[in-house]
Amino acid sequence: MMLVTTDKIEGKRTVKTLGLVRGNSIRARHMGHDIKASLTNLVGGEITDYTKMLAESREQALDRMVEEAESLGANAIVNVRFGTSMVMTHAAEILAYGTAVVVE
């Protein structure tokens, strides 16, 4: 499965547009990680626990989007984008979305 942020794939011809596909993941922060993050905030630096959590969430959202595209018969997704929103205190959603297409 080819994923691109552009509206077409260089060297490929879009033969069919299958429509919007998306995948999301909602993750909650762990109180222990919040304490560690607060300490890191005092001295500065990367909060690696949150970096890892968000990276895993992005990958899961992408995987779910790809699964939906494959179920439609797509072999590529164009215009891939990410969105994020807070759904409740200490929990955020990562959304991956794009247009499923068949290219040759």
Protein backbone atom coordinates (compact mmCIF):
# COMPACT_ATOMS: atom_id res chain seq x y z
CA MET A 1 0.00 0.00 0.00
CA MET A 2 1.42 3.34 -1.05
CA LEU A 3 0.63 6.35 1.16
CA VAL A 4 1.34 9.91 -0.02
CA THR A 5 0.47 13.40 1.14
CA THR A 6 0.11 14.63 -2.44
CA ASP A 7 -3.03 14.43 -4.57
CA LYS A 8 -1.41 12.09 -7.10
CA ILE A 9 1.50 9.68 -7.26
CA GLU A 10 4.32 10.58 -9.63
CA GLY A 11 4.64 7.98 -12.37
CA LYS A 12 1.30 6.32 -11.54
CA ARG A 13 -2.12 6.77 -13.11
CA THR A 14 -5.19 6.84 -10.89
CA VAL A 15 -7.74 4.53 -12.46
CA LYS A 16 -10.35 4.57 -9.71
CA THR A 17 -11.17 6.74 -6.72
CA LEU A 18 -12.79 4.75 -3.92
CA GLY A 19 -13.41 7.53 -1.42
CA LEU A 20 -12.50 8.71 2.04
CA VAL A 21 -10.77 6.31 4.40
CA ARG A 22 -9.80 6.95 7.99
CA GLY A 23 -8.36 5.40 11.08
CA ASN A 24 -8.15 6.73 14.59
CA SER A 25 -6.69 5.96 17.97
CA ILE A 26 -7.54 7.48 21.33
CA ARG A 27 -4.95 7.30 24.07
CA ALA A 28 -5.09 8.33 27.70
CA ARG A 29 -2.10 9.56 29.63
CA HIS A 30 -0.85 7.56 32.59
CA MET A 31 -0.67 9.41 35.92
CA GLY A 32 2.84 8.04 36.57
CA HIS A 33 3.96 9.46 33.24
CA ASP A 34 2.36 12.81 34.14
CA ILE A 35 4.47 13.03 37.28
CA LYS A 36 7.63 12.22 35.34
CA ALA A 37 6.64 14.75 32.64
CA SER A 38 6.12 17.44 35.27
CA LEU A 39 9.63 16.84 36.57
CA THR A 40 11.05 16.96 33.04
CA ASN A 41 9.16 20.20 32.50
CA LEU A 42 11.06 21.76 35.40
CA VAL A 43 14.49 21.04 33.94
CA GLY A 44 13.59 20.93 30.24
CA GLY A 45 13.99 18.24 27.64
CA GLU A 46 11.96 15.77 25.66
CA ILE A 47 9.15 13.91 27.39
CA THR A 48 10.01 10.56 25.83
CA ASP A 49 7.03 8.68 27.30
CA TYR A 50 4.62 11.01 25.50
CA THR A 51 6.69 10.94 22.30
CA LYS A 52 6.48 7.14 22.28
CA MET A 53 2.76 7.14 23.10
CA LEU A 54 1.94 9.57 20.26
CA ALA A 55 4.13 7.69 17.77
CA GLU A 56 2.34 4.42 18.61
CA SER A 57 -1.02 6.15 18.29
CA ARG A 58 -0.11 7.58 14.86
CA GLU A 59 1.00 4.15 13.63
CA GLN A 60 -2.20 2.54 14.89
CA ALA A 61 -4.32 5.21 13.17
CA LEU A 62 -2.39 4.67 9.91
CA ASP A 63 -2.77 0.88 10.17
CA ARG A 64 -6.53 1.22 10.66
CA MET A 65 -6.81 3.60 7.69
CA VAL A 66 -4.85 1.17 5.49
CA GLU A 67 -7.10 -1.72 6.58
CA GLU A 68 -10.18 0.24 5.52
CA ALA A 69 -8.59 1.12 2.16
CA GLU A 70 -7.59 -2.50 1.52
CA SER A 71 -11.14 -3.64 2.28
CA LEU A 72 -12.32 -1.32 -0.52
CA GLY A 73 -9.76 -2.77 -2.95
CA ALA A 74 -7.38 0.20 -2.93
CA ASN A 75 -3.66 -0.11 -3.54
CA ALA A 76 -2.83 3.47 -2.54
CA ILE A 77 -4.04 6.36 -0.40
CA VAL A 78 -3.50 9.94 -1.53
CA ASN A 79 -3.83 13.22 0.38
CA VAL A 80 -2.96 11.53 3.68
CA ARG A 81 -3.45 13.89 6.62
CA PHE A 82 -3.42 13.75 10.40
CA GLY A 83 -5.68 15.47 12.86
CA THR A 84 -5.74 15.52 16.62
CA SER A 85 -8.23 16.53 19.25
CA MET A 86 -8.71 16.26 22.96
CA VAL A 87 -11.71 14.05 23.73
CA MET A 88 -11.56 14.40 27.51
CA THR A 89 -9.12 15.47 30.17
CA HIS A 90 -5.90 13.47 29.74
CA ALA A 91 -7.07 11.71 26.54
CA ALA A 92 -6.43 12.64 22.91
CA GLU A 93 -7.45 11.28 19.54
CA ILE A 94 -5.13 10.96 16.55
CA LEU A 95 -6.97 10.69 13.23
CA ALA A 96 -5.38 9.66 9.94
CA TYR A 97 -7.41 10.19 6.78
CA GLY A 98 -7.02 10.27 3.03
CA THR A 99 -8.53 9.18 -0.27
CA ALA A 100 -8.37 5.53 -1.24
CA VAL A 101 -7.48 4.97 -4.89
CA VAL A 102 -6.44 2.30 -7.34
CA VAL A 103 -3.33 3.20 -9.33
CA GLU A 104 -1.43 1.46 -12.09
